[in-house]
Amino acid sequence: MRTVTVGMLGCGTVGQDVLNLIERRGAIFADLGVKIEVVGVLVRDTARERRIPAGTPLTTDPAFLQECEVVIEAMGGVQLPMTMLRPYLRSGRPVITANKALLAECWDELRDYALNGKLYYEASVMAGTPVIGPMSTVLRASTFTRLQAVLNGTCLYILTQMEQGRDYAQALAEAQALGYAEDPPTLDVGGFDTAHKLTVLARFCADGNFRYDRVQVQGIEHITQADIQAARERGERIKLVAELESVGGEWQASVAPQSLPETHPLCTAGASRNAMVYEGEECGTLIFAGGGAGGMVTASAMVGDLLDLLIGFPGHVPLH
């Protein structure tokens, strides 16, 4: 039995569930001849109560990173995790992350590691619903033409509540009370979280160097009850849609509210879930839908990435 040492950055909702799922899937790791040893979990406060396996080594000192064969990043943000990961990546060791903001905004520095198969990030878009895996492998054989997607659960919740009669401010307050939206909620409702995710997707089907600043972004802050009711009268629903398509031979990416027919896949398959409609010349139209947020949903993809790493699959490689 081979022992693989793992370190984790962050232990919030997702980090806790990753640790619990690693323990729960111990038999699968054993089938691979592997025992996972968590040698350190970086946190701000070691005394805070957490729902994690007994004996998990919590610490405020990142020195344990030097002992790890694999690092799982679950802290969020951009500059702090990049500072933590930089020397680790330079040593040639792999990183598993769900951090779409880090991937979108620090790509100049991260791209070479991704090309070398050292970055695993299935959970960065649509969490446990696998879209990056297919886009980075089998769908490469098909000529990509267009995608549309609903990628932010907070906006989905708010717009759904507005369809039930609540105004924007009330729906946003409920989303914050339930923990769906941050305070301030700009990253979600302003469309920037969706833009981060669209940037990550674009690198697998359009341009391996696609930059975050190429995405045109508009949020849902100005959607009113009048807009919702007017769409309903037309037999349509308003969604915050991420879209990527070629216009005049150039890839254009946008995030903006769109009024879609009620029969559109983003309104049916994605009624209360994240969803993506992917179009390719050879593969035709494909629909992906499922949970796009939540601790255990995200953890399922991150632990899946860990299993891929142990089996010998490289990380998610963008277009060259």
C-alpha atoms as a PDB file:
ATOM      1  CA  MET A   1       0.000   0.000   0.000  1.00  0.00           C
ATOM      2  CA  ARG A   2       1.459   3.344  -1.077  1.00  0.00           C
ATOM      3  CA  THR A   3       0.883   6.424   1.084  1.00  0.00           C
ATOM      4  CA  VAL A   4       0.112   9.660  -0.771  1.00  0.00           C
ATOM      5  CA  THR A   5       0.490  12.852   1.242  1.00  0.00           C
ATOM      6  CA  VAL A   6      -2.155  15.524   0.647  1.00  0.00           C
ATOM      7  CA  GLY A   7      -2.355  19.092   1.880  1.00  0.00           C
ATOM      8  CA  MET A   8      -5.329  21.426   1.744  1.00  0.00           C
ATOM      9  CA  LEU A   9      -5.651  25.193   1.611  1.00  0.00           C
ATOM     10  CA  GLY A  10      -8.899  26.272   3.239  1.00  0.00           C
ATOM     11  CA  CYS A  11     -11.479  24.383   5.256  1.00  0.00           C
ATOM     12  CA  GLY A  12     -14.811  26.052   4.649  1.00  0.00           C
ATOM     13  CA  THR A  13     -17.898  24.202   3.464  1.00  0.00           C
ATOM     14  CA  VAL A  14     -16.185  22.730   0.393  1.00  0.00           C
ATOM     15  CA  GLY A  15     -12.939  21.913   2.179  1.00  0.00           C
ATOM     16  CA  GLN A  16     -14.755  20.102   4.981  1.00  0.00           C
ATOM     17  CA  ASP A  17     -16.713  17.997   2.515  1.00  0.00           C
ATOM     18  CA  VAL A  18     -13.568  17.154   0.542  1.00  0.00           C
ATOM     19  CA  LEU A  19     -11.961  15.815   3.721  1.00  0.00           C
ATOM     20  CA  ASN A  20     -15.074  13.832   4.615  1.00  0.00           C
ATOM     21  CA  LEU A  21     -15.397  12.401   1.121  1.00  0.00           C
ATOM     22  CA  ILE A  22     -11.759  11.334   1.044  1.00  0.00           C
ATOM     23  CA  GLU A  23     -12.393   9.402   4.251  1.00  0.00           C
ATOM     24  CA  ARG A  24     -15.688   7.980   2.945  1.00  0.00           C
ATOM     25  CA  ARG A  25     -14.028   6.734  -0.248  1.00  0.00           C
ATOM     26  CA  GLY A  26     -11.144   5.051   1.534  1.00  0.00           C
ATOM     27  CA  ALA A  27     -12.015   1.673  -0.011  1.00  0.00           C
ATOM     28  CA  ILE A  28     -11.726   3.076  -3.545  1.00  0.00           C
ATOM     29  CA  PHE A  29      -8.301   4.492  -2.786  1.00  0.00           C
ATOM     30  CA  ALA A  30      -7.333   1.143  -1.258  1.00  0.00           C
ATOM     31  CA  ASP A  31      -8.385  -0.615  -4.487  1.00  0.00           C
ATOM     32  CA  LEU A  32      -5.793   1.571  -6.224  1.00  0.00           C
ATOM     33  CA  GLY A  33      -3.205   0.512  -3.682  1.00  0.00           C
ATOM     34  CA  VAL A  34      -3.198   3.965  -2.081  1.00  0.00           C
ATOM     35  CA  LYS A  35      -3.694   5.316   1.419  1.00  0.00           C
ATOM     36  CA  ILE A  36      -4.380   9.061   1.559  1.00  0.00           C
ATOM     37  CA  GLU A  37      -2.633  10.883   4.400  1.00  0.00           C
ATOM     38  CA  VAL A  38      -3.744  14.479   4.988  1.00  0.00           C
ATOM     39  CA  VAL A  39      -0.612  16.115   6.412  1.00  0.00           C
ATOM     40  CA  GLY A  40      -1.967  19.626   6.863  1.00  0.00           C
ATOM     41  CA  VAL A  41      -5.008  21.867   6.380  1.00  0.00           C
ATOM     42  CA  LEU A  42      -4.375  25.605   6.328  1.00  0.00           C
ATOM     43  CA  VAL A  43      -7.011  27.624   8.217  1.00  0.00           C
ATOM     44  CA  ARG A  44      -7.306  31.066   9.791  1.00  0.00           C
ATOM     45  CA  ASP A  45      -8.614  29.787  13.129  1.00  0.00           C
ATOM     46  CA  THR A  46      -7.772  26.299  14.387  1.00  0.00           C
ATOM     47  CA  ALA A  47     -10.279  26.608  17.264  1.00  0.00           C
ATOM     48  CA  ARG A  48     -13.313  27.093  15.020  1.00  0.00           C
ATOM     49  CA  GLU A  49     -15.739  24.171  15.108  1.00  0.00           C
ATOM     50  CA  ARG A  50     -15.696  22.100  11.927  1.00  0.00           C
ATOM     51  CA  ARG A  51     -17.318  18.905  10.702  1.00  0.00           C
ATOM     52  CA  ILE A  52     -14.207  16.988   9.656  1.00  0.00           C
ATOM     53  CA  PRO A  53     -12.629  13.570  10.315  1.00  0.00           C
ATOM     54  CA  ALA A  54     -11.091  13.178  13.755  1.00  0.00           C
ATOM     55  CA  GLY A  55      -7.392  13.907  13.897  1.00  0.00           C
ATOM     56  CA  THR A  56      -7.326  16.172  10.826  1.00  0.00           C
ATOM     57  CA  PRO A  57      -4.223  18.384  11.296  1.00  0.00           C
ATOM     58  CA  LEU A  58      -5.400  22.004  11.190  1.00  0.00           C
ATOM     59  CA  THR A  59      -2.738  24.715  11.153  1.00  0.00           C
ATOM     60  CA  THR A  60      -2.119  28.393  10.419  1.00  0.00           C
ATOM     61  CA  ASP A  61       1.400  27.617   9.171  1.00  0.00           C
ATOM     62  CA  PRO A  62       1.702  26.690   5.464  1.00  0.00           C
ATOM     63  CA  ALA A  63       5.075  24.964   5.978  1.00  0.00           C
ATOM     64  CA  PHE A  64       3.384  21.567   5.530  1.00  0.00           C
ATOM     65  CA  LEU A  65       3.078  22.289   1.800  1.00  0.00           C
ATOM     66  CA  GLN A  66       6.667  21.210   1.379  1.00  0.00           C
ATOM     67  CA  GLU A  67       5.736  17.698   2.562  1.00  0.00           C
ATOM     68  CA  CYS A  68       2.797  17.222   0.176  1.00  0.00           C
ATOM     69  CA  GLU A  69       2.664  15.234  -3.021  1.00  0.00           C
ATOM     70  CA  VAL A  70      -0.692  16.855  -3.872  1.00  0.00           C
ATOM     71  CA  VAL A  71      -2.309  20.140  -2.822  1.00  0.00           C
ATOM     72  CA  ILE A  72      -6.063  20.731  -2.872  1.00  0.00           C
ATOM     73  CA  GLU A  73      -6.905  24.442  -2.958  1.00  0.00           C
ATOM     74  CA  ALA A  74     -10.296  25.299  -1.468  1.00  0.00           C
ATOM     75  CA  MET A  75      -9.709  28.744   0.007  1.00  0.00           C
ATOM     76  CA  GLY A  76     -11.019  30.953  -2.796  1.00  0.00           C
ATOM     77  CA  GLY A  77      -9.788  34.384  -3.738  1.00  0.00           C
ATOM     78  CA  VAL A  78      -6.982  35.117  -6.162  1.00  0.00           C
ATOM     79  CA  GLN A  79      -3.794  36.675  -4.832  1.00  0.00           C
ATOM     80  CA  LEU A  80      -3.446  34.747  -1.557  1.00  0.00           C
ATOM     81  CA  PRO A  81      -3.865  31.239  -3.045  1.00  0.00           C
ATOM     82  CA  MET A  82      -1.581  32.183  -5.948  1.00  0.00           C
ATOM     83  CA  THR A  83       1.092  33.264  -3.480  1.00  0.00           C
ATOM     84  CA  MET A  84       0.709  29.977  -1.604  1.00  0.00           C
ATOM     85  CA  LEU A  85       0.715  27.792  -4.718  1.00  0.00           C
ATOM     86  CA  ARG A  86       3.467  29.509  -6.709  1.00  0.00           C
ATOM     87  CA  PRO A  87       6.493  27.758  -5.136  1.00  0.00           C
ATOM     88  CA  TYR A  88       4.613  24.474  -4.980  1.00  0.00           C
ATOM     89  CA  LEU A  89       3.755  24.541  -8.685  1.00  0.00           C
ATOM     90  CA  ARG A  90       7.302  25.534  -9.581  1.00  0.00           C
ATOM     91  CA  SER A  91       8.457  22.309  -7.935  1.00  0.00           C
ATOM     92  CA  GLY A  92       6.395  20.355 -10.509  1.00  0.00           C
ATOM     93  CA  ARG A  93       3.781  18.973  -8.143  1.00  0.00           C
ATOM     94  CA  PRO A  94       0.054  18.814  -9.011  1.00  0.00           C
ATOM     95  CA  VAL A  95      -2.733  21.056  -7.740  1.00  0.00           C
ATOM     96  CA  ILE A  96      -6.477  20.357  -7.558  1.00  0.00           C
ATOM     97  CA  THR A  97      -8.723  23.422  -7.385  1.00  0.00           C
ATOM     98  CA  ALA A  98     -12.276  24.656  -7.874  1.00  0.00           C
ATOM     99  CA  ASN A  99     -11.112  28.280  -8.034  1.00  0.00           C
ATOM    100  CA  LYS A 100     -12.466  29.711 -11.289  1.00  0.00           C
ATOM    101  CA  ALA A 101     -11.401  33.262 -10.374  1.00  0.00           C
ATOM    102  CA  LEU A 102      -7.796  32.131  -9.927  1.00  0.00           C
ATOM    103  CA  LEU A 103      -7.874  30.248 -13.239  1.00  0.00           C
ATOM    104  CA  ALA A 104      -9.492  33.138 -15.096  1.00  0.00           C
ATOM    105  CA  GLU A 105      -7.359  35.957 -13.749  1.00  0.00           C
ATOM    106  CA  CYS A 106      -3.924  34.315 -13.289  1.00  0.00           C
ATOM    107  CA  TRP A 107      -3.822  32.313 -16.513  1.00  0.00           C
ATOM    108  CA  ASP A 108      -0.592  33.877 -17.795  1.00  0.00           C
ATOM    109  CA  GLU A 109       1.187  32.273 -14.878  1.00  0.00           C
ATOM    110  CA  LEU A 110      -0.863  29.075 -14.669  1.00  0.00           C
ATOM    111  CA  ARG A 111      -1.112  28.100 -18.337  1.00  0.00           C
ATOM    112  CA  ASP A 112       2.228  26.271 -18.613  1.00  0.00           C
ATOM    113  CA  TYR A 113       1.344  24.151 -15.573  1.00  0.00           C
ATOM    114  CA  ALA A 114      -2.003  23.304 -17.164  1.00  0.00           C
ATOM    115  CA  LEU A 115      -0.308  22.379 -20.446  1.00  0.00           C
ATOM    116  CA  ASN A 116       1.950  20.044 -18.471  1.00  0.00           C
ATOM    117  CA  GLY A 117      -1.092  18.339 -16.926  1.00  0.00           C
ATOM    118  CA  LYS A 118      -0.403  19.590 -13.405  1.00  0.00           C
ATOM    119  CA  LEU A 119      -3.711  21.439 -12.859  1.00  0.00           C
ATOM    120  CA  TYR A 120      -6.938  19.555 -12.138  1.00  0.00           C
ATOM    121  CA  TYR A 121     -10.049  21.761 -12.056  1.00  0.00           C
ATOM    122  CA  GLU A 122     -13.221  19.922 -13.033  1.00  0.00           C
ATOM    123  CA  ALA A 123     -15.025  21.529 -10.082  1.00  0.00           C
ATOM    124  CA  SER A 124     -14.309  25.088 -11.253  1.00  0.00           C
ATOM    125  CA  VAL A 125     -17.333  25.125 -13.604  1.00  0.00           C
ATOM    126  CA  MET A 126     -20.684  23.537 -12.679  1.00  0.00           C
ATOM    127  CA  ALA A 127     -19.077  21.860  -9.641  1.00  0.00           C
ATOM    128  CA  GLY A 128     -19.940  18.154  -9.699  1.00  0.00           C
ATOM    129  CA  THR A 129     -21.590  18.222 -13.128  1.00  0.00           C
ATOM    130  CA  PRO A 130     -18.803  17.101 -15.486  1.00  0.00           C
ATOM    131  CA  VAL A 131     -18.338  19.522 -18.369  1.00  0.00           C
ATOM    132  CA  ILE A 132     -14.613  20.268 -18.388  1.00  0.00           C
ATOM    133  CA  GLY A 133     -13.669  16.603 -18.672  1.00  0.00           C
ATOM    134  CA  PRO A 134     -15.691  15.998 -21.858  1.00  0.00           C
ATOM    135  CA  MET A 135     -14.673  19.352 -23.361  1.00  0.00           C
ATOM    136  CA  SER A 136     -10.992  18.660 -22.766  1.00  0.00           C
ATOM    137  CA  THR A 137     -11.127  15.115 -24.201  1.00  0.00           C
ATOM    138  CA  VAL A 138     -13.744  13.521 -26.484  1.00  0.00           C
ATOM    139  CA  LEU A 139     -15.376  16.764 -27.663  1.00  0.00           C
ATOM    140  CA  ARG A 140     -12.070  17.926 -29.144  1.00  0.00           C
ATOM    141  CA  ALA A 141     -12.831  15.690 -32.144  1.00  0.00           C
ATOM    142  CA  SER A 142     -15.868  17.820 -32.974  1.00  0.00           C
ATOM    143  CA  THR A 143     -15.685  21.325 -34.453  1.00  0.00           C
ATOM    144  CA  PHE A 144     -17.043  23.632 -31.765  1.00  0.00           C
ATOM    145  CA  THR A 145     -19.555  26.243 -32.910  1.00  0.00           C
ATOM    146  CA  ARG A 146     -21.377  27.688 -29.887  1.00  0.00           C
ATOM    147  CA  LEU A 147     -22.301  27.310 -26.246  1.00  0.00           C
ATOM    148  CA  GLN A 148     -24.890  28.846 -23.969  1.00  0.00           C
ATOM    149  CA  ALA A 149     -24.929  28.221 -20.243  1.00  0.00           C
ATOM    150  CA  VAL A 150     -26.455  29.139 -16.899  1.00  0.00           C
ATOM    151  CA  LEU A 151     -23.543  28.926 -14.476  1.00  0.00           C
ATOM    152  CA  ASN A 152     -24.414  30.844 -11.297  1.00  0.00           C
ATOM    153  CA  GLY A 153     -26.770  29.413  -8.707  1.00  0.00           C
ATOM    154  CA  THR A 154     -27.299  32.707  -6.890  1.00  0.00           C
ATOM    155  CA  CYS A 155     -28.652  34.455  -9.994  1.00  0.00           C
ATOM    156  CA  LEU A 156     -30.721  31.389 -10.840  1.00  0.00           C
ATOM    157  CA  TYR A 157     -32.287  31.456  -7.368  1.00  0.00           C
ATOM    158  CA  ILE A 158     -32.998  35.193  -7.442  1.00  0.00           C
ATOM    159  CA  LEU A 159     -34.628  35.126 -10.872  1.00  0.00           C
ATOM    160  CA  THR A 160     -36.714  32.084  -9.920  1.00  0.00           C
ATOM    161  CA  GLN A 161     -37.929  33.858  -6.769  1.00  0.00           C
ATOM    162  CA  MET A 162     -38.793  36.926  -8.831  1.00  0.00           C
ATOM    163  CA  GLU A 163     -40.924  34.708 -11.081  1.00  0.00           C
ATOM    164  CA  GLN A 164     -42.874  33.831  -7.925  1.00  0.00           C
ATOM    165  CA  GLY A 165     -43.616  37.485  -7.238  1.00  0.00           C
ATOM    166  CA  ARG A 166     -40.736  38.766  -5.138  1.00  0.00           C
ATOM    167  CA  ASP A 167     -38.921  41.914  -6.174  1.00  0.00           C
ATOM    168  CA  TYR A 168     -35.168  41.893  -6.762  1.00  0.00           C
ATOM    169  CA  ALA A 169     -34.172  43.292  -3.356  1.00  0.00           C
ATOM    170  CA  GLN A 170     -36.337  40.772  -1.479  1.00  0.00           C
ATOM    171  CA  ALA A 171     -35.062  37.831  -3.541  1.00  0.00           C
ATOM    172  CA  LEU A 172     -31.457  38.930  -3.029  1.00  0.00           C
ATOM    173  CA  ALA A 173     -31.972  39.264   0.736  1.00  0.00           C
ATOM    174  CA  GLU A 174     -33.393  35.730   0.857  1.00  0.00           C
ATOM    175  CA  ALA A 175     -30.435  34.406  -1.150  1.00  0.00           C
ATOM    176  CA  GLN A 176     -28.036  36.025   1.294  1.00  0.00           C
ATOM    177  CA  ALA A 177     -29.948  34.722   4.317  1.00  0.00           C
ATOM    178  CA  LEU A 178     -29.728  31.196   2.895  1.00  0.00           C
ATOM    179  CA  GLY A 179     -26.003  31.550   2.242  1.00  0.00           C
ATOM    180  CA  TYR A 180     -26.381  31.465  -1.539  1.00  0.00           C
ATOM    181  CA  ALA A 181     -25.005  34.969  -2.057  1.00  0.00           C
ATOM    182  CA  GLU A 182     -21.982  36.673  -0.589  1.00  0.00           C
ATOM    183  CA  ASP A 183     -22.077  40.059   1.148  1.00  0.00           C
ATOM    184  CA  PRO A 184     -21.521  42.116  -0.933  1.00  0.00           C
ATOM    185  CA  PRO A 185     -23.039  39.950  -3.694  1.00  0.00           C
ATOM    186  CA  THR A 186     -21.459  41.762  -6.660  1.00  0.00           C
ATOM    187  CA  LEU A 187     -19.367  38.815  -7.842  1.00  0.00           C
ATOM    188  CA  ASP A 188     -22.536  36.760  -8.337  1.00  0.00           C
ATOM    189  CA  VAL A 189     -25.258  39.214  -9.341  1.00  0.00           C
ATOM    190  CA  GLY A 190     -22.878  41.383 -11.358  1.00  0.00           C
ATOM    191  CA  GLY A 191     -22.122  38.428 -13.632  1.00  0.00           C
ATOM    192  CA  PHE A 192     -18.406  38.229 -12.797  1.00  0.00           C
ATOM    193  CA  ASP A 193     -18.503  34.713 -11.336  1.00  0.00           C
ATOM    194  CA  THR A 194     -20.211  33.533 -14.531  1.00  0.00           C
ATOM    195  CA  ALA A 195     -17.606  35.379 -16.615  1.00  0.00           C
ATOM    196  CA  HIS A 196     -14.799  33.584 -14.756  1.00  0.00           C
ATOM    197  CA  LYS A 197     -16.399  30.241 -15.581  1.00  0.00           C
ATOM    198  CA  LEU A 198     -17.032  31.131 -19.216  1.00  0.00           C
ATOM    199  CA  THR A 199     -13.372  32.108 -19.562  1.00  0.00           C
ATOM    200  CA  VAL A 200     -12.311  28.681 -18.284  1.00  0.00           C
ATOM    201  CA  LEU A 201     -14.645  26.926 -20.733  1.00  0.00           C
ATOM    202  CA  ALA A 202     -13.503  29.031 -23.698  1.00  0.00           C
ATOM    203  CA  ARG A 203      -9.956  27.726 -23.331  1.00  0.00           C
ATOM    204  CA  PHE A 204     -11.073  24.197 -24.177  1.00  0.00           C
ATOM    205  CA  CYS A 205     -13.144  24.947 -27.257  1.00  0.00           C
ATOM    206  CA  ALA A 206     -12.166  28.326 -28.710  1.00  0.00           C
ATOM    207  CA  ASP A 207      -8.752  29.645 -27.680  1.00  0.00           C
ATOM    208  CA  GLY A 208      -6.309  28.180 -25.159  1.00  0.00           C
ATOM    209  CA  ASN A 209      -5.191  31.704 -24.273  1.00  0.00           C
ATOM    210  CA  PHE A 210      -8.684  33.190 -23.954  1.00  0.00           C
ATOM    211  CA  ARG A 211      -8.491  36.135 -21.602  1.00  0.00           C
ATOM    212  CA  TYR A 212     -10.972  37.052 -18.904  1.00  0.00           C
ATOM    213  CA  ASP A 213     -11.072  40.689 -20.046  1.00  0.00           C
ATOM    214  CA  ARG A 214     -12.505  39.581 -23.413  1.00  0.00           C
ATOM    215  CA  VAL A 215     -15.830  38.667 -21.769  1.00  0.00           C
ATOM    216  CA  GLN A 216     -18.515  41.360 -21.987  1.00  0.00           C
ATOM    217  CA  VAL A 217     -20.337  41.322 -18.645  1.00  0.00           C
ATOM    218  CA  GLN A 218     -23.772  42.523 -17.565  1.00  0.00           C
ATOM    219  CA  GLY A 219     -25.438  41.396 -14.342  1.00  0.00           C
ATOM    220  CA  ILE A 220     -29.030  41.047 -13.170  1.00  0.00           C
ATOM    221  CA  GLU A 221     -29.159  44.016 -10.778  1.00  0.00           C
ATOM    222  CA  HIS A 222     -31.482  46.008 -13.035  1.00  0.00           C
ATOM    223  CA  ILE A 223     -34.016  43.245 -13.741  1.00  0.00           C
ATOM    224  CA  THR A 224     -37.465  44.267 -12.484  1.00  0.00           C
ATOM    225  CA  GLN A 225     -40.764  42.580 -11.846  1.00  0.00           C
ATOM    226  CA  ALA A 226     -42.029  44.302 -14.995  1.00  0.00           C
ATOM    227  CA  ASP A 227     -39.281  42.576 -16.997  1.00  0.00           C
ATOM    228  CA  ILE A 228     -40.146  39.201 -15.467  1.00  0.00           C
ATOM    229  CA  GLN A 229     -43.869  39.593 -16.163  1.00  0.00           C
ATOM    230  CA  ALA A 230     -43.315  40.843 -19.725  1.00  0.00           C
ATOM    231  CA  ALA A 231     -41.190  37.768 -20.443  1.00  0.00           C
ATOM    232  CA  ARG A 232     -43.853  35.503 -18.953  1.00  0.00           C
ATOM    233  CA  GLU A 233     -46.509  37.032 -21.192  1.00  0.00           C
ATOM    234  CA  ARG A 234     -44.314  36.154 -24.184  1.00  0.00           C
ATOM    235  CA  GLY A 235     -43.928  32.574 -22.945  1.00  0.00           C
ATOM    236  CA  GLU A 236     -40.304  33.263 -21.951  1.00  0.00           C
ATOM    237  CA  ARG A 237     -38.075  33.261 -18.860  1.00  0.00           C
ATOM    238  CA  ILE A 238     -35.145  35.513 -18.003  1.00  0.00           C
ATOM    239  CA  LYS A 239     -31.831  33.798 -17.284  1.00  0.00           C
ATOM    240  CA  LEU A 240     -28.292  35.095 -16.806  1.00  0.00           C
ATOM    241  CA  VAL A 241     -26.715  33.465 -19.850  1.00  0.00           C
ATOM    242  CA  ALA A 242     -23.047  32.888 -20.633  1.00  0.00           C
ATOM    243  CA  GLU A 243     -22.572  32.683 -24.397  1.00  0.00           C
ATOM    244  CA  LEU A 244     -19.595  31.940 -26.645  1.00  0.00           C
ATOM    245  CA  GLU A 245     -19.788  31.957 -30.435  1.00  0.00           C
ATOM    246  CA  SER A 246     -17.844  32.998 -33.511  1.00  0.00           C
ATOM    247  CA  VAL A 247     -18.900  36.316 -35.058  1.00  0.00           C
ATOM    248  CA  GLY A 248     -17.137  37.345 -38.223  1.00  0.00           C
ATOM    249  CA  GLY A 249     -14.412  34.794 -37.604  1.00  0.00           C
ATOM    250  CA  GLU A 250     -13.698  36.049 -34.080  1.00  0.00           C
ATOM    251  CA  TRP A 251     -14.748  34.441 -30.822  1.00  0.00           C
ATOM    252  CA  GLN A 252     -17.091  36.611 -28.791  1.00  0.00           C
ATOM    253  CA  ALA A 253     -17.960  35.878 -25.184  1.00  0.00           C
ATOM    254  CA  SER A 254     -20.694  37.534 -23.172  1.00  0.00           C
ATOM    255  CA  VAL A 255     -22.577  37.257 -19.907  1.00  0.00           C
ATOM    256  CA  ALA A 256     -25.948  39.012 -19.783  1.00  0.00           C
ATOM    257  CA  PRO A 257     -29.615  38.471 -18.905  1.00  0.00           C
ATOM    258  CA  GLN A 258     -31.525  36.948 -21.801  1.00  0.00           C
ATOM    259  CA  SER A 259     -35.228  36.262 -22.258  1.00  0.00           C
ATOM    260  CA  LEU A 260     -35.453  32.684 -23.515  1.00  0.00           C
ATOM    261  CA  PRO A 261     -38.443  30.614 -24.681  1.00  0.00           C
ATOM    262  CA  GLU A 262     -39.802  28.376 -21.932  1.00  0.00           C
ATOM    263  CA  THR A 263     -38.955  25.408 -24.183  1.00  0.00           C
ATOM    264  CA  HIS A 264     -35.266  26.338 -24.362  1.00  0.00           C
ATOM    265  CA  PRO A 265     -33.011  23.683 -22.743  1.00  0.00           C
ATOM    266  CA  LEU A 266     -31.691  26.254 -20.255  1.00  0.00           C
ATOM    267  CA  CYS A 267     -35.297  26.687 -19.071  1.00  0.00           C
ATOM    268  CA  THR A 268     -36.214  22.987 -19.031  1.00  0.00           C
ATOM    269  CA  ALA A 269     -33.206  20.790 -18.259  1.00  0.00           C
ATOM    270  CA  GLY A 270     -31.782  23.683 -16.266  1.00  0.00           C
ATOM    271  CA  ALA A 271     -35.012  24.712 -14.554  1.00  0.00           C
ATOM    272  CA  SER A 272     -33.431  24.846 -11.100  1.00  0.00           C
ATOM    273  CA  ARG A 273     -29.909  23.717 -11.920  1.00  0.00           C
ATOM    274  CA  ASN A 274     -26.837  24.893 -13.767  1.00  0.00           C
ATOM    275  CA  ALA A 275     -26.975  23.882 -17.409  1.00  0.00           C
ATOM    276  CA  MET A 276     -24.996  24.158 -20.626  1.00  0.00           C
ATOM    277  CA  VAL A 277     -25.970  23.708 -24.268  1.00  0.00           C
ATOM    278  CA  TYR A 278     -22.879  22.791 -26.312  1.00  0.00           C
ATOM    279  CA  GLU A 279     -22.985  22.780 -30.104  1.00  0.00           C
ATOM    280  CA  GLY A 280     -20.479  21.150 -32.443  1.00  0.00           C
ATOM    281  CA  GLU A 281     -20.591  20.349 -36.135  1.00  0.00           C
ATOM    282  CA  GLU A 282     -19.990  16.625 -35.698  1.00  0.00           C
ATOM    283  CA  CYS A 283     -21.354  15.947 -32.192  1.00  0.00           C
ATOM    284  CA  GLY A 284     -24.503  18.036 -32.675  1.00  0.00           C
ATOM    285  CA  THR A 285     -26.217  19.663 -29.709  1.00  0.00           C
ATOM    286  CA  LEU A 286     -25.357  18.348 -26.253  1.00  0.00           C
ATOM    287  CA  ILE A 287     -27.059  19.334 -23.002  1.00  0.00           C
ATOM    288  CA  PHE A 288     -25.361  19.160 -19.602  1.00  0.00           C
ATOM    289  CA  ALA A 289     -27.396  19.894 -16.470  1.00  0.00           C
ATOM    290  CA  GLY A 290     -26.957  19.310 -12.774  1.00  0.00           C
ATOM    291  CA  GLY A 291     -25.869  20.735  -9.457  1.00  0.00           C
ATOM    292  CA  GLY A 292     -23.487  23.620  -9.948  1.00  0.00           C
ATOM    293  CA  ALA A 293     -22.759  24.545  -6.332  1.00  0.00           C
ATOM    294  CA  GLY A 294     -22.762  23.161  -2.807  1.00  0.00           C
ATOM    295  CA  GLY A 295     -20.144  21.580  -0.596  1.00  0.00           C
ATOM    296  CA  MET A 296     -20.522  17.888  -1.344  1.00  0.00           C
ATOM    297  CA  VAL A 297     -21.397  18.460  -5.006  1.00  0.00           C
ATOM    298  CA  THR A 298     -18.150  20.386  -5.466  1.00  0.00           C
ATOM    299  CA  ALA A 299     -16.204  17.910  -3.334  1.00  0.00           C
ATOM    300  CA  SER A 300     -17.331  15.042  -5.558  1.00  0.00           C
ATOM    301  CA  ALA A 301     -15.539  16.622  -8.527  1.00  0.00           C
ATOM    302  CA  MET A 302     -12.428  17.509  -6.527  1.00  0.00           C
ATOM    303  CA  VAL A 303     -12.057  14.019  -5.102  1.00  0.00           C
ATOM    304  CA  GLY A 304     -12.766  12.682  -8.595  1.00  0.00           C
ATOM    305  CA  ASP A 305      -9.809  14.751  -9.804  1.00  0.00           C
ATOM    306  CA  LEU A 306      -7.684  13.229  -7.049  1.00  0.00           C
ATOM    307  CA  LEU A 307      -8.657   9.748  -8.243  1.00  0.00           C
ATOM    308  CA  ASP A 308      -7.786  10.685 -11.840  1.00  0.00           C
ATOM    309  CA  LEU A 309      -4.388  11.893 -10.671  1.00  0.00           C
ATOM    310  CA  LEU A 310      -3.699   8.658  -8.799  1.00  0.00           C
ATOM    311  CA  ILE A 311      -4.810   6.549 -11.777  1.00  0.00           C
ATOM    312  CA  GLY A 312      -2.376   8.461 -13.963  1.00  0.00           C
ATOM    313  CA  PHE A 313      -4.593  10.772 -15.996  1.00  0.00           C
ATOM    314  CA  PRO A 314      -3.125  14.243 -16.593  1.00  0.00           C
ATOM    315  CA  GLY A 315      -4.911  17.381 -15.466  1.00  0.00           C
ATOM    316  CA  HIS A 316      -7.167  19.424 -17.706  1.00  0.00           C
ATOM    317  CA  VAL A 317      -5.128  20.584 -20.707  1.00  0.00           C
ATOM    318  CA  PRO A 318      -6.376  23.644 -22.642  1.00  0.00           C
ATOM    319  CA  LEU A 319      -6.084  24.084 -26.382  1.00  0.00           C
ATOM    320  CA  HIS A 320      -2.460  24.406 -27.428  1.00  0.00           C
END
